[in-house]
Amino acid sequence: MATPTDPSPDLDAAYGLHSPSDSVRLYRAWAASYDSGFAQRTGYLLPGHVAGAFVEAGGQGPVLDVGAGTGLLAARLADFSVSPVDGVDISAEMLTEAIAKSVYRQTFLADLTAPLPMADSGYCGIVSSGTFTQGHVGPAAFDELLRIAAPGAVFALSINVAVFKPCGFADKLDALRGQICRVTLAEAPIYAAPDPDHAADRAMILCFTKR
């Protein structure tokens, strides 16, 4: 039986997280099998959606991958020759898997619900796949991401449809209208081969530019 220090690593557990410490425990247990046991099995589409949207919006490096996980999004950016890319995640174990892919210039271990260790205006692009979802990071994180983004920086972020309005992402976008422009939203499937409980899961692919 799973315990608070030995969580069952699956999608339902991820959607049920309640705190940063919960995330650390879950992804510690999930890191080694995440790519093969989750991403490949479900046909995880979000990294490709976000990378494609970023490039289409004119995004370029240096880029910060927010909630980098095992580096799946950075690997897709590399397919488009986008570089350099840095990664930030709350899980040291997930970052270990990401570093092994050799797709990051550098990585940062940090809690995305707290102030980030990066300097102001350091990034020309901010991307994220699968981080703004149930049990994870809310729209308050946008303030820190805008702080570390340079004027004209392109953002491409996935936001789970189930949390987009209920958790305040739509309201946050309205509040940021003076700081951002070129806002686009496109709904997309998250998985190519989901299990029946998640067949309808979809995400908003949000793109905008910092003024």
N, C-alpha and C. Protein backbone atom coordinates (compact mmCIF):
# COMPACT_ATOMS: atom_id res chain seq x y z
N MET A 1 0.84 -1.20 0.00
CA MET A 1 0.00 0.00 0.00
C MET A 1 0.88 1.25 0.00
N ALA A 2 0.48 2.25 -0.79
CA ALA A 2 1.24 3.48 -0.84
C ALA A 2 1.16 4.21 0.48
N THR A 3 2.23 4.87 0.85
CA THR A 3 2.30 5.69 2.06
C THR A 3 2.69 7.10 1.66
N PRO A 4 2.61 8.09 2.60
CA PRO A 4 3.00 9.44 2.26
C PRO A 4 4.43 9.57 1.75
N THR A 5 5.32 8.63 2.10
CA THR A 5 6.69 8.69 1.63
C THR A 5 6.94 7.74 0.46
N ASP A 6 5.91 6.99 0.07
CA ASP A 6 6.06 6.04 -1.03
C ASP A 6 4.81 6.09 -1.89
N PRO A 7 4.60 7.20 -2.64
CA PRO A 7 3.35 7.37 -3.39
C PRO A 7 3.29 6.44 -4.59
N SER A 8 2.07 6.17 -5.02
CA SER A 8 1.87 5.38 -6.23
C SER A 8 2.01 6.31 -7.43
N PRO A 9 3.03 6.11 -8.28
CA PRO A 9 3.27 7.06 -9.37
C PRO A 9 2.38 6.82 -10.57
N ASP A 10 1.29 7.56 -10.66
CA ASP A 10 0.41 7.47 -11.82
C ASP A 10 -0.31 8.80 -11.99
N LEU A 11 -1.09 8.92 -13.06
CA LEU A 11 -1.73 10.17 -13.40
C LEU A 11 -2.74 10.60 -12.35
N ASP A 12 -3.50 9.66 -11.80
CA ASP A 12 -4.47 10.02 -10.78
C ASP A 12 -3.79 10.59 -9.54
N ALA A 13 -2.65 10.02 -9.17
CA ALA A 13 -1.89 10.55 -8.04
C ALA A 13 -1.40 11.96 -8.34
N ALA A 14 -0.95 12.19 -9.59
CA ALA A 14 -0.46 13.51 -9.97
C ALA A 14 -1.58 14.56 -9.90
N TYR A 15 -2.77 14.20 -10.37
CA TYR A 15 -3.89 15.13 -10.32
C TYR A 15 -4.37 15.38 -8.89
N GLY A 16 -4.02 14.49 -7.97
CA GLY A 16 -4.47 14.62 -6.60
C GLY A 16 -3.49 15.26 -5.65
N LEU A 17 -2.41 15.84 -6.17
CA LEU A 17 -1.42 16.48 -5.31
C LEU A 17 -2.01 17.71 -4.62
N HIS A 18 -1.50 17.99 -3.42
CA HIS A 18 -2.02 19.12 -2.65
C HIS A 18 -0.96 20.13 -2.24
N SER A 19 0.32 19.80 -2.36
CA SER A 19 1.36 20.70 -1.88
C SER A 19 2.67 20.42 -2.62
N PRO A 20 3.61 21.37 -2.57
CA PRO A 20 4.92 21.10 -3.17
C PRO A 20 5.60 19.86 -2.59
N SER A 21 5.45 19.60 -1.32
CA SER A 21 6.08 18.41 -0.73
C SER A 21 5.45 17.14 -1.29
N ASP A 22 4.15 17.18 -1.58
CA ASP A 22 3.51 16.04 -2.24
C ASP A 22 4.14 15.80 -3.62
N SER A 23 4.41 16.89 -4.34
CA SER A 23 5.02 16.76 -5.67
C SER A 23 6.40 16.15 -5.58
N VAL A 24 7.18 16.58 -4.60
CA VAL A 24 8.53 16.04 -4.44
C VAL A 24 8.48 14.53 -4.22
N ARG A 25 7.56 14.08 -3.37
CA ARG A 25 7.47 12.65 -3.07
C ARG A 25 7.01 11.86 -4.29
N LEU A 26 5.98 12.36 -4.97
CA LEU A 26 5.46 11.62 -6.12
C LEU A 26 6.50 11.48 -7.22
N TYR A 27 7.12 12.59 -7.59
CA TYR A 27 8.04 12.55 -8.73
C TYR A 27 9.37 11.88 -8.38
N ARG A 28 9.70 11.81 -7.11
CA ARG A 28 10.84 10.99 -6.71
C ARG A 28 10.58 9.53 -7.07
N ALA A 29 9.35 9.09 -6.83
CA ALA A 29 8.99 7.70 -7.12
C ALA A 29 8.76 7.45 -8.60
N TRP A 30 8.41 8.49 -9.34
CA TRP A 30 7.98 8.32 -10.73
C TRP A 30 9.10 8.55 -11.75
N ALA A 31 10.16 9.23 -11.35
CA ALA A 31 11.14 9.74 -12.31
C ALA A 31 11.70 8.66 -13.23
N ALA A 32 12.14 7.54 -12.67
CA ALA A 32 12.84 6.52 -13.47
C ALA A 32 11.93 5.88 -14.51
N SER A 33 10.62 5.82 -14.24
CA SER A 33 9.70 5.14 -15.17
C SER A 33 8.80 6.12 -15.92
N TYR A 34 9.00 7.42 -15.74
CA TYR A 34 8.07 8.41 -16.29
C TYR A 34 7.99 8.33 -17.81
N ASP A 35 9.14 8.31 -18.47
CA ASP A 35 9.14 8.32 -19.93
C ASP A 35 8.52 7.05 -20.52
N SER A 36 8.96 5.91 -20.03
CA SER A 36 8.48 4.64 -20.59
C SER A 36 7.14 4.21 -20.02
N GLY A 37 6.91 4.46 -18.74
CA GLY A 37 5.69 3.99 -18.10
C GLY A 37 4.52 4.93 -18.21
N PHE A 38 4.78 6.18 -18.57
CA PHE A 38 3.68 7.14 -18.71
C PHE A 38 3.68 7.78 -20.09
N ALA A 39 4.75 8.50 -20.45
CA ALA A 39 4.74 9.27 -21.68
C ALA A 39 4.57 8.40 -22.92
N GLN A 40 5.31 7.30 -22.99
CA GLN A 40 5.19 6.43 -24.16
C GLN A 40 3.87 5.66 -24.16
N ARG A 41 3.46 5.19 -23.00
CA ARG A 41 2.24 4.39 -22.92
C ARG A 41 1.00 5.19 -23.31
N THR A 42 0.95 6.45 -22.89
CA THR A 42 -0.23 7.28 -23.17
C THR A 42 -0.13 8.03 -24.49
N GLY A 43 1.03 8.02 -25.13
CA GLY A 43 1.22 8.86 -26.30
C GLY A 43 1.11 10.32 -25.92
N TYR A 44 1.94 10.76 -24.97
CA TYR A 44 1.85 12.09 -24.37
C TYR A 44 2.16 13.16 -25.41
N LEU A 45 1.18 13.99 -25.74
CA LEU A 45 1.27 14.91 -26.86
C LEU A 45 1.68 16.34 -26.48
N LEU A 46 1.55 16.71 -25.22
CA LEU A 46 1.73 18.11 -24.84
C LEU A 46 3.10 18.68 -25.18
N PRO A 47 4.20 17.96 -24.95
CA PRO A 47 5.49 18.56 -25.31
C PRO A 47 5.57 18.98 -26.77
N GLY A 48 5.03 18.16 -27.65
CA GLY A 48 5.02 18.51 -29.07
C GLY A 48 4.12 19.69 -29.38
N HIS A 49 2.95 19.74 -28.75
CA HIS A 49 2.04 20.87 -28.95
C HIS A 49 2.71 22.18 -28.54
N VAL A 50 3.34 22.17 -27.36
CA VAL A 50 3.93 23.41 -26.84
C VAL A 50 5.13 23.83 -27.68
N ALA A 51 6.00 22.89 -28.02
CA ALA A 51 7.17 23.22 -28.84
C ALA A 51 6.75 23.80 -30.18
N GLY A 52 5.77 23.18 -30.82
CA GLY A 52 5.31 23.67 -32.11
C GLY A 52 4.71 25.05 -32.01
N ALA A 53 3.92 25.30 -30.96
CA ALA A 53 3.30 26.61 -30.78
C ALA A 53 4.35 27.68 -30.52
N PHE A 54 5.37 27.33 -29.76
CA PHE A 54 6.43 28.29 -29.44
C PHE A 54 7.16 28.71 -30.72
N VAL A 55 7.51 27.75 -31.54
CA VAL A 55 8.23 28.05 -32.78
C VAL A 55 7.33 28.84 -33.73
N GLU A 56 6.07 28.46 -33.83
CA GLU A 56 5.14 29.16 -34.73
C GLU A 56 4.96 30.61 -34.31
N ALA A 57 5.03 30.86 -32.98
CA ALA A 57 4.87 32.22 -32.47
C ALA A 57 6.15 33.04 -32.59
N GLY A 58 7.21 32.45 -33.13
CA GLY A 58 8.46 33.18 -33.32
C GLY A 58 9.41 33.09 -32.14
N GLY A 59 9.18 32.13 -31.25
CA GLY A 59 10.02 32.01 -30.07
C GLY A 59 11.46 31.64 -30.40
N GLN A 60 12.38 32.12 -29.55
CA GLN A 60 13.78 31.82 -29.70
C GLN A 60 14.46 31.82 -28.33
N GLY A 61 15.69 31.33 -28.28
CA GLY A 61 16.40 31.24 -27.03
C GLY A 61 17.08 32.55 -26.65
N PRO A 62 17.52 32.61 -25.40
CA PRO A 62 17.46 31.55 -24.39
C PRO A 62 16.04 31.35 -23.85
N VAL A 63 15.73 30.08 -23.59
CA VAL A 63 14.39 29.65 -23.17
C VAL A 63 14.48 29.01 -21.79
N LEU A 64 13.45 29.25 -20.98
CA LEU A 64 13.30 28.52 -19.72
C LEU A 64 12.14 27.57 -19.84
N ASP A 65 12.40 26.28 -19.58
CA ASP A 65 11.38 25.23 -19.56
C ASP A 65 10.91 25.09 -18.12
N VAL A 66 9.68 25.49 -17.87
CA VAL A 66 9.11 25.58 -16.53
C VAL A 66 8.41 24.27 -16.16
N GLY A 67 8.85 23.63 -15.09
CA GLY A 67 8.35 22.30 -14.78
C GLY A 67 8.94 21.32 -15.77
N ALA A 68 10.26 21.34 -15.89
CA ALA A 68 10.96 20.63 -16.95
C ALA A 68 10.78 19.13 -16.91
N GLY A 69 10.55 18.56 -15.74
CA GLY A 69 10.37 17.12 -15.63
C GLY A 69 11.57 16.36 -16.16
N THR A 70 11.32 15.39 -17.02
CA THR A 70 12.40 14.57 -17.58
C THR A 70 12.95 15.13 -18.89
N GLY A 71 12.58 16.34 -19.25
CA GLY A 71 13.15 16.97 -20.42
C GLY A 71 12.44 16.69 -21.73
N LEU A 72 11.20 16.22 -21.69
CA LEU A 72 10.50 15.87 -22.92
C LEU A 72 10.25 17.10 -23.81
N LEU A 73 9.91 18.23 -23.20
CA LEU A 73 9.65 19.43 -23.98
C LEU A 73 10.96 19.97 -24.58
N ALA A 74 12.02 19.99 -23.80
CA ALA A 74 13.29 20.48 -24.32
C ALA A 74 13.78 19.62 -25.48
N ALA A 75 13.52 18.33 -25.41
CA ALA A 75 13.90 17.44 -26.52
C ALA A 75 13.15 17.80 -27.79
N ARG A 76 11.88 18.18 -27.66
CA ARG A 76 11.11 18.59 -28.84
C ARG A 76 11.58 19.95 -29.35
N LEU A 77 11.96 20.85 -28.45
CA LEU A 77 12.53 22.13 -28.89
C LEU A 77 13.83 21.91 -29.66
N ALA A 78 14.62 20.93 -29.22
CA ALA A 78 15.86 20.62 -29.91
C ALA A 78 15.59 20.16 -31.34
N ASP A 79 14.45 19.49 -31.55
CA ASP A 79 14.08 19.07 -32.90
C ASP A 79 13.90 20.27 -33.82
N PHE A 80 13.52 21.42 -33.22
CA PHE A 80 13.34 22.65 -33.99
C PHE A 80 14.59 23.54 -33.94
N SER A 81 15.68 23.02 -33.38
CA SER A 81 16.95 23.76 -33.24
C SER A 81 16.82 25.01 -32.39
N VAL A 82 15.91 24.98 -31.39
CA VAL A 82 15.78 26.07 -30.44
C VAL A 82 16.80 25.87 -29.32
N SER A 83 17.62 26.89 -29.07
CA SER A 83 18.62 26.81 -28.02
C SER A 83 19.09 28.22 -27.66
N PRO A 84 19.73 28.39 -26.49
CA PRO A 84 19.88 27.40 -25.44
C PRO A 84 18.59 27.29 -24.63
N VAL A 85 18.43 26.18 -23.94
CA VAL A 85 17.26 25.94 -23.10
C VAL A 85 17.74 25.59 -21.69
N ASP A 86 17.19 26.27 -20.70
CA ASP A 86 17.39 25.93 -19.30
C ASP A 86 16.13 25.27 -18.77
N GLY A 87 16.25 24.51 -17.70
CA GLY A 87 15.10 23.83 -17.12
C GLY A 87 15.00 24.09 -15.62
N VAL A 88 13.79 24.19 -15.13
CA VAL A 88 13.55 24.32 -13.69
C VAL A 88 12.46 23.35 -13.29
N ASP A 89 12.65 22.67 -12.17
CA ASP A 89 11.68 21.70 -11.68
C ASP A 89 11.85 21.55 -10.18
N ILE A 90 10.80 21.07 -9.52
CA ILE A 90 10.84 20.86 -8.08
C ILE A 90 11.45 19.53 -7.70
N SER A 91 11.61 18.62 -8.68
CA SER A 91 12.07 17.26 -8.40
C SER A 91 13.50 17.05 -8.87
N ALA A 92 14.39 16.79 -7.94
CA ALA A 92 15.79 16.50 -8.29
C ALA A 92 15.89 15.23 -9.12
N GLU A 93 15.05 14.26 -8.82
CA GLU A 93 15.11 12.99 -9.54
C GLU A 93 14.65 13.15 -10.99
N MET A 94 13.61 13.95 -11.21
CA MET A 94 13.18 14.21 -12.59
C MET A 94 14.26 14.97 -13.36
N LEU A 95 14.89 15.92 -12.71
CA LEU A 95 15.95 16.67 -13.38
C LEU A 95 17.15 15.78 -13.71
N THR A 96 17.41 14.80 -12.88
CA THR A 96 18.49 13.86 -13.19
C THR A 96 18.22 13.14 -14.51
N GLU A 97 16.95 12.72 -14.70
CA GLU A 97 16.57 12.09 -15.96
C GLU A 97 16.70 13.08 -17.12
N ALA A 98 16.31 14.33 -16.88
CA ALA A 98 16.39 15.35 -17.93
C ALA A 98 17.83 15.64 -18.33
N ILE A 99 18.70 15.77 -17.36
CA ILE A 99 20.10 16.09 -17.63
C ILE A 99 20.74 15.01 -18.50
N ALA A 100 20.33 13.76 -18.30
CA ALA A 100 20.88 12.65 -19.09
C ALA A 100 20.55 12.77 -20.57
N LYS A 101 19.52 13.55 -20.93
CA LYS A 101 19.16 13.75 -22.33
C LYS A 101 20.04 14.78 -23.03
N SER A 102 20.84 15.52 -22.26
CA SER A 102 21.76 16.53 -22.82
C SER A 102 21.03 17.57 -23.65
N VAL A 103 19.88 18.02 -23.17
CA VAL A 103 19.10 19.02 -23.90
C VAL A 103 19.06 20.37 -23.19
N TYR A 104 19.68 20.49 -22.02
CA TYR A 104 19.65 21.73 -21.25
C TYR A 104 21.05 22.34 -21.11
N ARG A 105 21.11 23.65 -21.17
CA ARG A 105 22.33 24.38 -20.85
C ARG A 105 22.62 24.27 -19.36
N GLN A 106 21.57 24.47 -18.55
CA GLN A 106 21.68 24.33 -17.11
C GLN A 106 20.29 24.05 -16.55
N THR A 107 20.23 23.53 -15.34
CA THR A 107 18.96 23.24 -14.69
C THR A 107 18.97 23.84 -13.30
N PHE A 108 17.75 24.12 -12.81
CA PHE A 108 17.57 24.71 -11.49
C PHE A 108 16.55 23.87 -10.72
N LEU A 109 16.87 23.56 -9.48
CA LEU A 109 15.94 22.89 -8.59
C LEU A 109 15.22 23.97 -7.80
N ALA A 110 13.91 24.14 -8.04
CA ALA A 110 13.18 25.23 -7.41
C ALA A 110 11.69 24.92 -7.37
N ASP A 111 11.02 25.53 -6.40
CA ASP A 111 9.57 25.44 -6.23
C ASP A 111 8.94 26.56 -7.05
N LEU A 112 8.13 26.21 -8.02
CA LEU A 112 7.53 27.20 -8.92
C LEU A 112 6.45 28.04 -8.24
N THR A 113 6.05 27.66 -7.03
CA THR A 113 5.07 28.47 -6.30
C THR A 113 5.76 29.49 -5.40
N ALA A 114 7.09 29.59 -5.49
CA ALA A 114 7.88 30.52 -4.68
C ALA A 114 8.73 31.37 -5.61
N PRO A 115 9.40 32.41 -5.08
CA PRO A 115 10.30 33.20 -5.93
C PRO A 115 11.38 32.32 -6.57
N LEU A 116 11.67 32.59 -7.84
CA LEU A 116 12.63 31.80 -8.59
C LEU A 116 14.03 32.38 -8.49
N PRO A 117 15.07 31.55 -8.67
CA PRO A 117 16.45 32.02 -8.49
C PRO A 117 17.03 32.74 -9.70
N MET A 118 16.25 32.97 -10.74
CA MET A 118 16.78 33.60 -11.95
C MET A 118 16.70 35.12 -11.86
N ALA A 119 17.59 35.79 -12.59
CA ALA A 119 17.62 37.25 -12.62
C ALA A 119 16.49 37.81 -13.47
N ASP A 120 16.19 39.08 -13.28
CA ASP A 120 15.18 39.75 -14.09
C ASP A 120 15.54 39.71 -15.57
N SER A 121 14.52 39.55 -16.41
CA SER A 121 14.62 39.74 -17.87
C SER A 121 15.69 38.90 -18.54
N GLY A 122 15.91 37.68 -18.02
CA GLY A 122 16.99 36.86 -18.55
C GLY A 122 16.62 35.95 -19.70
N TYR A 123 15.31 35.78 -19.99
CA TYR A 123 14.89 34.79 -20.98
C TYR A 123 14.07 35.42 -22.09
N CYS A 124 14.34 35.00 -23.32
CA CYS A 124 13.57 35.44 -24.48
C CYS A 124 12.39 34.52 -24.76
N GLY A 125 12.31 33.42 -24.05
CA GLY A 125 11.20 32.49 -24.21
C GLY A 125 10.92 31.76 -22.90
N ILE A 126 9.65 31.51 -22.64
CA ILE A 126 9.21 30.73 -21.48
C ILE A 126 8.25 29.67 -21.99
N VAL A 127 8.53 28.41 -21.70
CA VAL A 127 7.66 27.32 -22.15
C VAL A 127 7.33 26.42 -20.97
N SER A 128 6.22 25.70 -21.10
CA SER A 128 5.83 24.76 -20.04
C SER A 128 4.84 23.75 -20.59
N SER A 129 5.04 22.50 -20.24
CA SER A 129 4.18 21.41 -20.68
C SER A 129 3.78 20.56 -19.48
N GLY A 130 2.49 20.54 -19.15
CA GLY A 130 1.98 19.67 -18.10
C GLY A 130 2.13 20.16 -16.69
N THR A 131 2.58 21.40 -16.50
CA THR A 131 2.81 21.92 -15.15
C THR A 131 1.60 22.66 -14.60
N PHE A 132 0.87 23.34 -15.47
CA PHE A 132 -0.32 24.08 -15.04
C PHE A 132 -1.53 23.15 -15.19
N THR A 133 -1.75 22.35 -14.16
CA THR A 133 -2.78 21.31 -14.22
C THR A 133 -3.28 21.03 -12.82
N GLN A 134 -4.16 20.06 -12.68
CA GLN A 134 -4.71 19.72 -11.37
C GLN A 134 -3.60 19.35 -10.40
N GLY A 135 -3.65 19.93 -9.20
CA GLY A 135 -2.73 19.56 -8.15
C GLY A 135 -1.32 20.09 -8.30
N HIS A 136 -1.09 20.96 -9.28
CA HIS A 136 0.27 21.41 -9.54
C HIS A 136 0.40 22.93 -9.32
N VAL A 137 0.72 23.69 -10.34
CA VAL A 137 1.05 25.11 -10.20
C VAL A 137 -0.11 25.96 -10.72
N GLY A 138 -0.44 27.01 -9.98
CA GLY A 138 -1.54 27.88 -10.33
C GLY A 138 -1.10 29.13 -11.06
N PRO A 139 -2.03 30.02 -11.39
CA PRO A 139 -1.73 31.20 -12.20
C PRO A 139 -0.89 32.25 -11.49
N ALA A 140 -0.78 32.19 -10.16
CA ALA A 140 0.07 33.16 -9.46
C ALA A 140 1.52 33.08 -9.92
N ALA A 141 1.93 31.93 -10.43
CA ALA A 141 3.31 31.77 -10.91
C ALA A 141 3.62 32.65 -12.11
N PHE A 142 2.60 33.11 -12.82
CA PHE A 142 2.83 33.94 -14.00
C PHE A 142 3.62 35.22 -13.66
N ASP A 143 3.43 35.75 -12.45
CA ASP A 143 4.11 36.99 -12.08
C ASP A 143 5.63 36.79 -12.07
N GLU A 144 6.10 35.70 -11.49
CA GLU A 144 7.53 35.41 -11.49
C GLU A 144 8.04 35.12 -12.89
N LEU A 145 7.26 34.43 -13.69
CA LEU A 145 7.69 34.12 -15.05
C LEU A 145 7.82 35.40 -15.87
N LEU A 146 6.93 36.33 -15.69
CA LEU A 146 7.04 37.61 -16.40
C LEU A 146 8.25 38.40 -15.90
N ARG A 147 8.57 38.30 -14.63
CA ARG A 147 9.74 39.01 -14.09
C ARG A 147 11.03 38.56 -14.77
N ILE A 148 11.17 37.26 -14.98
CA ILE A 148 12.43 36.74 -15.52
C ILE A 148 12.46 36.74 -17.04
N ALA A 149 11.35 37.15 -17.68
CA ALA A 149 11.27 37.21 -19.14
C ALA A 149 11.66 38.60 -19.63
N ALA A 150 12.39 38.63 -20.72
CA ALA A 150 12.78 39.91 -21.33
C ALA A 150 11.58 40.52 -22.06
N PRO A 151 11.56 41.83 -22.22
CA PRO A 151 10.53 42.44 -23.07
C PRO A 151 10.55 41.81 -24.46
N GLY A 152 9.38 41.45 -24.97
CA GLY A 152 9.28 40.77 -26.25
C GLY A 152 9.39 39.26 -26.15
N ALA A 153 9.59 38.72 -24.95
CA ALA A 153 9.71 37.27 -24.78
C ALA A 153 8.41 36.58 -25.16
N VAL A 154 8.54 35.43 -25.82
CA VAL A 154 7.40 34.62 -26.23
C VAL A 154 7.15 33.54 -25.18
N PHE A 155 5.89 33.39 -24.78
CA PHE A 155 5.45 32.37 -23.85
C PHE A 155 4.63 31.34 -24.61
N ALA A 156 4.86 30.05 -24.32
CA ALA A 156 3.98 28.98 -24.81
C ALA A 156 3.80 28.01 -23.66
N LEU A 157 2.58 27.94 -23.14
CA LEU A 157 2.29 27.19 -21.92
C LEU A 157 1.06 26.32 -22.13
N SER A 158 1.10 25.09 -21.64
CA SER A 158 -0.11 24.27 -21.63
C SER A 158 -0.82 24.45 -20.29
N ILE A 159 -2.15 24.53 -20.35
CA ILE A 159 -2.97 24.65 -19.14
C ILE A 159 -4.12 23.66 -19.28
N ASN A 160 -4.24 22.77 -18.34
CA ASN A 160 -5.30 21.77 -18.40
C ASN A 160 -6.67 22.47 -18.45
N VAL A 161 -7.52 22.07 -19.37
CA VAL A 161 -8.83 22.69 -19.52
C VAL A 161 -9.64 22.63 -18.22
N ALA A 162 -9.47 21.56 -17.46
CA ALA A 162 -10.24 21.38 -16.23
C ALA A 162 -9.94 22.45 -15.18
N VAL A 163 -8.78 23.10 -15.28
CA VAL A 163 -8.43 24.12 -14.28
C VAL A 163 -8.40 25.53 -14.87
N PHE A 164 -8.56 25.66 -16.17
CA PHE A 164 -8.35 26.96 -16.81
C PHE A 164 -9.25 28.05 -16.22
N LYS A 165 -10.53 27.80 -16.11
CA LYS A 165 -11.43 28.78 -15.49
C LYS A 165 -11.57 28.58 -13.99
N PRO A 166 -11.81 27.34 -13.51
CA PRO A 166 -12.03 27.16 -12.06
C PRO A 166 -10.87 27.61 -11.18
N CYS A 167 -9.64 27.48 -11.67
CA CYS A 167 -8.47 27.83 -10.85
C CYS A 167 -7.92 29.22 -11.15
N GLY A 168 -8.63 30.00 -11.95
CA GLY A 168 -8.30 31.42 -12.10
C GLY A 168 -7.35 31.78 -13.22
N PHE A 169 -7.04 30.85 -14.13
CA PHE A 169 -6.14 31.19 -15.22
C PHE A 169 -6.76 32.21 -16.18
N ALA A 170 -8.04 32.06 -16.48
CA ALA A 170 -8.70 33.01 -17.37
C ALA A 170 -8.72 34.40 -16.75
N ASP A 171 -9.02 34.48 -15.46
CA ASP A 171 -9.02 35.78 -14.77
C ASP A 171 -7.63 36.38 -14.73
N LYS A 172 -6.62 35.54 -14.53
CA LYS A 172 -5.24 36.05 -14.49
C LYS A 172 -4.85 36.65 -15.83
N LEU A 173 -5.22 36.00 -16.92
CA LEU A 173 -4.92 36.56 -18.23
C LEU A 173 -5.56 37.93 -18.42
N ASP A 174 -6.79 38.08 -17.96
CA ASP A 174 -7.45 39.37 -18.06
C ASP A 174 -6.70 40.43 -17.25
N ALA A 175 -6.21 40.03 -16.07
CA ALA A 175 -5.49 40.97 -15.21
C ALA A 175 -4.14 41.37 -15.79
N LEU A 176 -3.58 40.55 -16.64
CA LEU A 176 -2.26 40.81 -17.21
C LEU A 176 -2.30 41.51 -18.56
N ARG A 177 -3.46 41.92 -19.01
CA ARG A 177 -3.59 42.47 -20.36
C ARG A 177 -2.65 43.65 -20.61
N GLY A 178 -2.33 44.42 -19.59
CA GLY A 178 -1.42 45.55 -19.78
C GLY A 178 0.03 45.13 -19.91
N GLN A 179 0.35 43.90 -19.53
CA GLN A 179 1.73 43.42 -19.57
C GLN A 179 2.02 42.47 -20.73
N ILE A 180 0.97 41.97 -21.39
CA ILE A 180 1.16 40.98 -22.44
C ILE A 180 0.36 41.35 -23.68
N CYS A 181 0.73 40.77 -24.80
CA CYS A 181 0.01 41.00 -26.06
C CYS A 181 0.11 39.74 -26.91
N ARG A 182 -0.51 39.77 -28.06
CA ARG A 182 -0.50 38.64 -29.01
C ARG A 182 -0.96 37.34 -28.32
N VAL A 183 -2.04 37.43 -27.58
CA VAL A 183 -2.53 36.29 -26.83
C VAL A 183 -3.32 35.36 -27.75
N THR A 184 -2.98 34.08 -27.73
CA THR A 184 -3.75 33.08 -28.47
C THR A 184 -4.01 31.88 -27.57
N LEU A 185 -5.13 31.23 -27.79
CA LEU A 185 -5.51 30.03 -27.06
C LEU A 185 -6.01 29.00 -28.06
N ALA A 186 -5.49 27.79 -27.95
CA ALA A 186 -5.94 26.70 -28.82
C ALA A 186 -6.09 25.45 -27.98
N GLU A 187 -7.22 24.78 -28.08
CA GLU A 187 -7.45 23.55 -27.32
C GLU A 187 -6.87 22.36 -28.06
N ALA A 188 -6.27 21.43 -27.32
CA ALA A 188 -5.61 20.29 -27.94
C ALA A 188 -5.72 19.06 -27.04
N PRO A 189 -5.70 17.87 -27.62
CA PRO A 189 -5.71 16.64 -26.80
C PRO A 189 -4.37 16.48 -26.09
N ILE A 190 -4.41 15.88 -24.91
CA ILE A 190 -3.19 15.67 -24.13
C ILE A 190 -2.53 14.35 -24.48
N TYR A 191 -3.34 13.32 -24.78
CA TYR A 191 -2.81 11.98 -25.01
C TYR A 191 -3.30 11.42 -26.34
N ALA A 192 -2.43 10.66 -26.98
CA ALA A 192 -2.83 9.95 -28.20
C ALA A 192 -3.46 8.61 -27.89
N ALA A 193 -3.07 8.01 -26.75
CA ALA A 193 -3.58 6.69 -26.38
C ALA A 193 -3.90 6.65 -24.89
N PRO A 194 -4.87 7.47 -24.45
CA PRO A 194 -5.16 7.55 -23.03
C PRO A 194 -5.90 6.32 -22.52
N ASP A 195 -5.83 6.11 -21.18
CA ASP A 195 -6.70 5.11 -20.60
C ASP A 195 -8.12 5.69 -20.57
N PRO A 196 -9.15 4.85 -20.42
CA PRO A 196 -10.53 5.33 -20.52
C PRO A 196 -10.87 6.47 -19.57
N ASP A 197 -10.25 6.49 -18.39
CA ASP A 197 -10.57 7.53 -17.42
C ASP A 197 -10.08 8.91 -17.85
N HIS A 198 -9.17 8.96 -18.81
CA HIS A 198 -8.58 10.25 -19.20
C HIS A 198 -8.68 10.50 -20.70
N ALA A 199 -9.59 9.79 -21.35
CA ALA A 199 -9.73 9.93 -22.80
C ALA A 199 -10.15 11.34 -23.22
N ALA A 200 -10.87 12.03 -22.34
CA ALA A 200 -11.37 13.36 -22.69
C ALA A 200 -10.46 14.47 -22.19
N ASP A 201 -9.34 14.16 -21.57
CA ASP A 201 -8.46 15.19 -21.03
C ASP A 201 -7.90 16.06 -22.16
N ARG A 202 -8.03 17.37 -22.00
CA ARG A 202 -7.55 18.30 -23.01
C ARG A 202 -6.85 19.47 -22.33
N ALA A 203 -6.06 20.17 -23.11
CA ALA A 203 -5.33 21.32 -22.58
C ALA A 203 -5.52 22.52 -23.49
N MET A 204 -5.41 23.71 -22.88
CA MET A 204 -5.32 24.94 -23.64
C MET A 204 -3.83 25.21 -23.89
N ILE A 205 -3.46 25.47 -25.13
CA ILE A 205 -2.11 25.89 -25.44
C ILE A 205 -2.14 27.41 -25.54
N LEU A 206 -1.59 28.04 -24.52
CA LEU A 206 -1.63 29.50 -24.39
C LEU A 206 -0.31 30.09 -24.88
N CYS A 207 -0.40 31.02 -25.80
CA CYS A 207 0.77 31.76 -26.25
C CYS A 207 0.53 33.26 -26.05
N PHE A 208 1.57 33.98 -25.64
CA PHE A 208 1.51 35.43 -25.57
C PHE A 208 2.93 35.98 -25.57
N THR A 209 3.02 37.28 -25.72
CA THR A 209 4.30 37.97 -25.74
C THR A 209 4.32 39.00 -24.63
N LYS A 210 5.43 39.08 -23.91
CA LYS A 210 5.58 40.12 -22.87
C LYS A 210 5.81 41.46 -23.54
N ARG A 211 5.07 42.46 -23.12
CA ARG A 211 5.22 43.79 -23.69
C ARG A 211 6.59 44.38 -23.31
